[in-house]
Amino acid sequence: MNEPAARVVEREMGYTSTEFAAVLPAAMRDWTVAGGPSRWQVSGPRQRAIATIEIRALPARVIGALRIPVLAVSIDLRAASDTLAMEFMRRFERGFHRGGG
C-alpha cells in the first residue's frame, strides 16, 4: 500500500444504514466522526478534515429467502494528504471487514 489512495472512493457494502452508523466511529478509532444519518465528516489531529462519507440505500440483493442489504458508499478524500488518505482507507477497510470461512 505505497500508492496514494484514490481521492473519491465508491463502494457497495452489505450493511444497513444503522449498522454502518454503528461501525463507523469504532473504525475511525481516535479520529472525530460527526454527522449522520447519511453523511459524516471524519477529522483527524487538530480537527483537520480527512474525509466526507455519504451513504444511500440501494435495493436489497435477494437470493431465495436470503435478503442482503446494500449501501452505496461514497468517500471523498480530497481534503486529506496522501498519508492521511491511506491511513483512513486502512482504518475503514479493517473496521468494516466481515470475516467468513
Protein backbone atom coordinates (compact mmCIF):
# COMPACT_ATOMS: atom_id res chain seq x y z
CA MET A 1 0.00 0.00 0.00
CA ASN A 2 2.63 2.53 -1.06
CA GLU A 3 0.48 4.40 -3.58
CA PRO A 4 -1.83 7.24 -2.53
CA ALA A 5 -5.48 6.31 -2.12
CA ALA A 6 -7.97 7.41 -4.77
CA ARG A 7 -9.49 10.78 -3.91
CA VAL A 8 -13.11 9.64 -4.26
CA VAL A 9 -13.86 6.01 -3.44
CA GLU A 10 -17.19 4.41 -4.36
CA ARG A 11 -18.31 1.12 -2.77
CA GLU A 12 -21.37 -1.07 -2.45
CA MET A 13 -21.47 -2.61 1.01
CA GLY A 14 -23.67 -5.24 2.62
CA TYR A 15 -24.75 -3.11 5.58
CA THR A 16 -27.93 -1.35 6.65
CA SER A 17 -27.56 2.37 7.36
CA THR A 18 -28.00 1.64 11.09
CA GLU A 19 -25.20 -0.95 11.05
CA PHE A 20 -22.93 1.39 9.09
CA ALA A 21 -23.52 4.25 11.54
CA ALA A 22 -22.69 1.96 14.48
CA VAL A 23 -19.43 0.64 12.97
CA LEU A 24 -18.02 3.91 11.57
CA PRO A 25 -16.93 5.61 14.84
CA ALA A 26 -15.20 2.46 16.11
CA ALA A 27 -13.43 2.00 12.77
CA MET A 28 -12.03 5.54 12.95
CA ARG A 29 -10.73 4.95 16.49
CA ASP A 30 -9.33 8.24 17.86
CA TRP A 31 -10.47 10.40 14.92
CA THR A 32 -13.63 12.50 15.27
CA VAL A 33 -16.75 11.37 13.39
CA ALA A 34 -19.57 13.93 13.12
CA GLY A 35 -22.87 13.88 11.26
CA GLY A 36 -25.33 11.23 10.18
CA PRO A 37 -27.69 9.63 9.32
CA SER A 38 -26.49 9.63 5.69
CA ARG A 39 -23.46 11.96 5.68
CA TRP A 40 -20.45 12.12 8.01
CA GLN A 41 -17.28 14.19 8.32
CA VAL A 42 -14.16 12.49 9.68
CA SER A 43 -11.49 14.73 11.22
CA GLY A 44 -8.07 13.81 12.49
CA PRO A 45 -5.44 15.50 14.61
CA ARG A 46 -6.13 19.20 15.29
CA GLN A 47 -9.60 18.75 13.73
CA ARG A 48 -8.09 18.55 10.24
CA ALA A 49 -10.70 17.32 7.73
CA ILE A 50 -9.86 13.89 6.33
CA ALA A 51 -12.98 12.51 4.66
CA THR A 52 -16.62 13.12 3.88
CA ILE A 53 -18.72 9.95 3.70
CA GLU A 54 -22.17 9.72 2.12
CA ILE A 55 -24.39 6.64 2.03
CA ARG A 56 -27.54 5.78 0.10
CA ALA A 57 -29.64 2.63 0.49
CA LEU A 58 -29.96 0.51 -2.66
CA PRO A 59 -32.41 -2.34 -3.26
CA ALA A 60 -31.53 -5.46 -1.27
CA ARG A 61 -29.93 -8.36 -3.08
CA VAL A 62 -32.23 -11.37 -2.92
CA ILE A 63 -31.13 -14.98 -3.24
CA GLY A 64 -34.08 -17.25 -2.49
CA ALA A 65 -35.21 -16.40 1.03
CA LEU A 66 -31.96 -14.53 1.77
CA ARG A 67 -32.03 -10.72 1.60
CA ILE A 68 -28.75 -8.81 1.79
CA PRO A 69 -28.90 -5.05 2.42
CA VAL A 70 -26.87 -2.85 0.08
CA LEU A 71 -25.50 0.63 0.70
CA ALA A 72 -23.86 2.84 -1.89
CA VAL A 73 -20.96 4.45 -0.03
CA SER A 74 -19.05 7.45 -1.37
CA ILE A 75 -15.86 8.53 0.42
CA ASP A 76 -14.38 11.90 -0.55
CA LEU A 77 -10.72 12.12 0.49
CA ARG A 78 -9.81 15.28 -1.44
CA ALA A 79 -9.16 17.27 1.75
CA ALA A 80 -6.62 14.74 3.07
CA SER A 81 -2.90 14.39 2.42
CA ASP A 82 -1.80 11.15 0.75
CA THR A 83 -0.62 9.82 4.12
CA LEU A 84 -3.93 10.57 5.88
CA ALA A 85 -5.96 9.23 2.94
CA MET A 86 -4.08 5.92 3.06
CA GLU A 87 -4.48 5.71 6.85
CA PHE A 88 -8.20 6.47 6.53
CA MET A 89 -8.67 3.66 4.00
CA ARG A 90 -6.66 1.25 6.19
CA ARG A 91 -8.91 2.01 9.17
CA PHE A 92 -12.07 1.88 7.05
CA GLU A 93 -11.20 -1.48 5.45
CA ARG A 94 -10.20 -3.04 8.76
CA GLY A 95 -13.22 -1.67 10.63
CA PHE A 96 -15.78 -2.80 8.06
CA HIS A 97 -14.20 -6.16 7.19
CA ARG A 98 -16.57 -9.06 7.74
CA GLY A 99 -14.82 -12.35 8.19
CA GLY A 100 -16.03 -15.59 6.74
CA GLY A 101 -14.85 -19.02 6.03
